[in-house]
Amino acid sequence: MTQNPELEALNALVGEWALEATHPAFPSTVVRGRANVEWLEGEQFLIHRSRTDHSEFPDSIVIIGAEGDRLAMHYFDSRGVQRIYGASLSEGVWRMWRDEPGFSQRFTGELGDRGDTISGLWELSRDGSTWDDDLEITYRRLG
């Protein structure tokens, strides 16, 4: 089976990652964890699993695949939360977003160090126009 061209850029995310995150609700805490990103057999869906060392931060699994000419990201976490986001990875910038009344989110992550780091920021909007910093996260490729 041939990989969908819409998915090719996601190859940059494949691998084992150490992560560090900060959140405004825990201003003096650095949350550490790991992420594993791999293709499901057939390379039509990318699986992103993450775990953290902090009980207030959920473990999660994300499945990214093509829906027509765009990418969709399905998110599930250990709290029972599930969400669907749009996604893109282009010119070294990974983006995810969802527009939901009262709880819109967007993420921008910049790939650096020849693809061995991702510096990202999640933002949150409760009114659809004002965006506040939410989760700041850095991925560092292992190995």
Protein backbone atom coordinates (compact mmCIF):
# COMPACT_ATOMS: atom_id res chain seq x y z
CA MET A 1 0.00 0.00 0.00
CA THR A 2 1.30 3.47 -0.86
CA GLN A 3 1.36 6.13 1.84
CA ASN A 4 -1.10 8.97 1.33
CA PRO A 5 0.93 12.06 0.25
CA GLU A 6 -0.95 14.15 2.85
CA LEU A 7 0.77 12.05 5.53
CA GLU A 8 4.38 12.21 4.30
CA ALA A 9 5.40 15.23 6.39
CA LEU A 10 4.43 13.34 9.56
CA ASN A 11 7.48 11.11 9.13
CA ALA A 12 9.37 13.89 10.93
CA LEU A 13 7.48 13.02 14.14
CA VAL A 14 8.25 9.29 14.17
CA GLY A 15 10.46 8.19 17.06
CA GLU A 16 10.91 8.18 20.81
CA TRP A 17 10.74 11.55 22.56
CA ALA A 18 11.41 12.90 26.06
CA LEU A 19 9.06 15.72 26.93
CA GLU A 20 8.96 18.57 29.41
CA ALA A 21 5.85 20.65 29.93
CA THR A 22 4.67 23.57 32.02
CA HIS A 23 1.11 24.71 32.63
CA PRO A 24 -0.23 27.96 34.14
CA ALA A 25 -2.20 25.96 36.74
CA PHE A 26 1.14 24.59 38.09
CA PRO A 27 3.51 27.56 37.65
CA SER A 28 6.53 26.11 39.48
CA THR A 29 6.22 22.55 38.14
CA VAL A 30 8.02 21.01 35.17
CA VAL A 31 6.20 17.87 34.08
CA ARG A 32 8.37 15.24 32.46
CA GLY A 33 7.30 12.35 30.31
CA ARG A 34 7.84 10.32 27.19
CA ALA A 35 6.15 10.06 23.84
CA ASN A 36 6.33 7.28 21.28
CA VAL A 37 5.28 8.11 17.72
CA GLU A 38 4.95 5.34 15.16
CA TRP A 39 3.02 4.34 12.07
CA LEU A 40 0.25 1.81 12.25
CA GLU A 41 1.07 -0.98 9.83
CA GLY A 42 0.36 0.30 6.32
CA GLU A 43 1.44 3.87 7.22
CA GLN A 44 -2.03 5.35 6.83
CA PHE A 45 -2.36 6.38 10.50
CA LEU A 46 0.22 7.84 12.85
CA ILE A 47 -0.04 6.80 16.51
CA HIS A 48 1.27 9.18 19.20
CA ARG A 49 1.29 7.81 22.76
CA SER A 50 2.42 9.93 25.69
CA ARG A 51 2.84 9.39 29.42
CA THR A 52 3.81 11.88 32.10
CA ASP A 53 5.19 11.59 35.63
CA HIS A 54 2.54 13.90 37.13
CA SER A 55 -0.85 12.64 38.33
CA GLU A 56 -2.65 15.84 37.22
CA PHE A 57 -1.53 15.45 33.59
CA PRO A 58 -3.30 12.72 31.61
CA ASP A 59 -1.64 10.02 29.56
CA SER A 60 -2.92 10.06 26.00
CA ILE A 61 -3.09 8.40 22.64
CA VAL A 62 -3.55 10.32 19.40
CA ILE A 63 -4.31 8.92 15.95
CA ILE A 64 -3.60 11.16 12.96
CA GLY A 65 -4.82 10.30 9.48
CA ALA A 66 -5.94 11.89 6.24
CA GLU A 67 -9.58 12.84 5.76
CA GLY A 68 -9.80 13.90 2.16
CA ASP A 69 -7.16 16.54 1.48
CA ARG A 70 -6.58 17.45 5.15
CA LEU A 71 -5.34 15.78 8.30
CA ALA A 72 -7.52 14.93 11.28
CA MET A 73 -6.25 14.11 14.76
CA HIS A 74 -8.32 11.98 17.14
CA TYR A 75 -7.30 12.47 20.80
CA PHE A 76 -8.12 10.17 23.74
CA ASP A 77 -6.77 10.41 27.30
CA SER A 78 -6.75 8.65 30.65
CA ARG A 79 -9.50 10.96 31.97
CA GLY A 80 -11.90 9.65 29.33
CA VAL A 81 -11.64 12.85 27.26
CA GLN A 82 -11.88 12.52 23.49
CA ARG A 83 -11.58 15.30 20.93
CA ILE A 84 -11.09 15.75 17.19
CA TYR A 85 -8.63 18.33 15.86
CA GLY A 86 -7.43 19.53 12.49
CA ALA A 87 -3.69 19.05 11.99
CA SER A 88 -0.87 20.03 9.67
CA LEU A 89 2.90 19.76 9.45
CA SER A 90 4.53 22.04 6.92
CA GLU A 91 7.84 23.88 6.65
CA GLY A 92 8.92 22.68 10.09
CA VAL A 93 5.77 23.81 11.90
CA TRP A 94 3.33 21.31 13.44
CA ARG A 95 -0.17 22.71 14.02
CA MET A 96 -3.29 21.31 15.65
CA TRP A 97 -6.57 23.12 16.29
CA ARG A 98 -10.20 22.73 17.25
CA ASP A 99 -12.93 25.36 17.28
CA GLU A 100 -15.44 24.48 19.97
CA PRO A 101 -17.70 27.08 21.61
CA GLY A 102 -16.37 27.81 25.08
CA PHE A 103 -13.22 25.71 24.67
CA SER A 104 -11.25 26.27 21.45
CA GLN A 105 -7.65 25.13 21.32
CA ARG A 106 -4.67 25.52 19.04
CA PHE A 107 -1.09 24.25 19.08
CA THR A 108 1.98 25.46 17.25
CA GLY A 109 5.18 23.44 17.50
CA GLU A 110 8.39 24.38 15.73
CA LEU A 111 10.83 21.66 14.76
CA GLY A 112 14.44 22.57 15.52
CA ASP A 113 17.88 20.99 15.77
CA ARG A 114 17.40 19.27 12.40
CA GLY A 115 14.15 17.75 13.63
CA ASP A 116 15.42 16.56 17.00
CA THR A 117 13.42 19.06 19.09
CA ILE A 118 9.91 20.42 18.95
CA SER A 119 9.11 23.57 20.92
CA GLY A 120 5.38 23.98 21.21
CA LEU A 121 2.64 25.95 22.84
CA TRP A 122 -1.02 25.09 23.30
CA GLU A 123 -3.37 28.06 23.54
CA LEU A 124 -6.94 28.14 24.81
CA SER A 125 -9.88 30.40 23.98
CA ARG A 126 -13.13 30.40 25.90
CA ASP A 127 -14.75 33.22 23.90
CA GLY A 128 -13.50 32.44 20.37
CA SER A 129 -11.37 35.58 20.09
CA THR A 130 -9.07 35.93 23.13
CA TRP A 131 -6.28 33.34 23.29
CA ASP A 132 -4.36 32.49 26.46
CA ASP A 133 -1.21 30.42 26.80
CA ASP A 134 -2.04 26.97 28.11
CA LEU A 135 0.43 24.08 27.94
CA GLU A 136 4.01 24.78 26.89
CA ILE A 137 5.79 21.61 25.81
CA THR A 138 9.22 20.68 24.50
CA TYR A 139 9.96 17.35 22.83
CA ARG A 140 13.55 16.07 22.56
CA ARG A 141 14.24 13.09 20.33
CA LEU A 142 15.85 10.13 22.13
CA GLY A 143 18.50 7.89 20.60
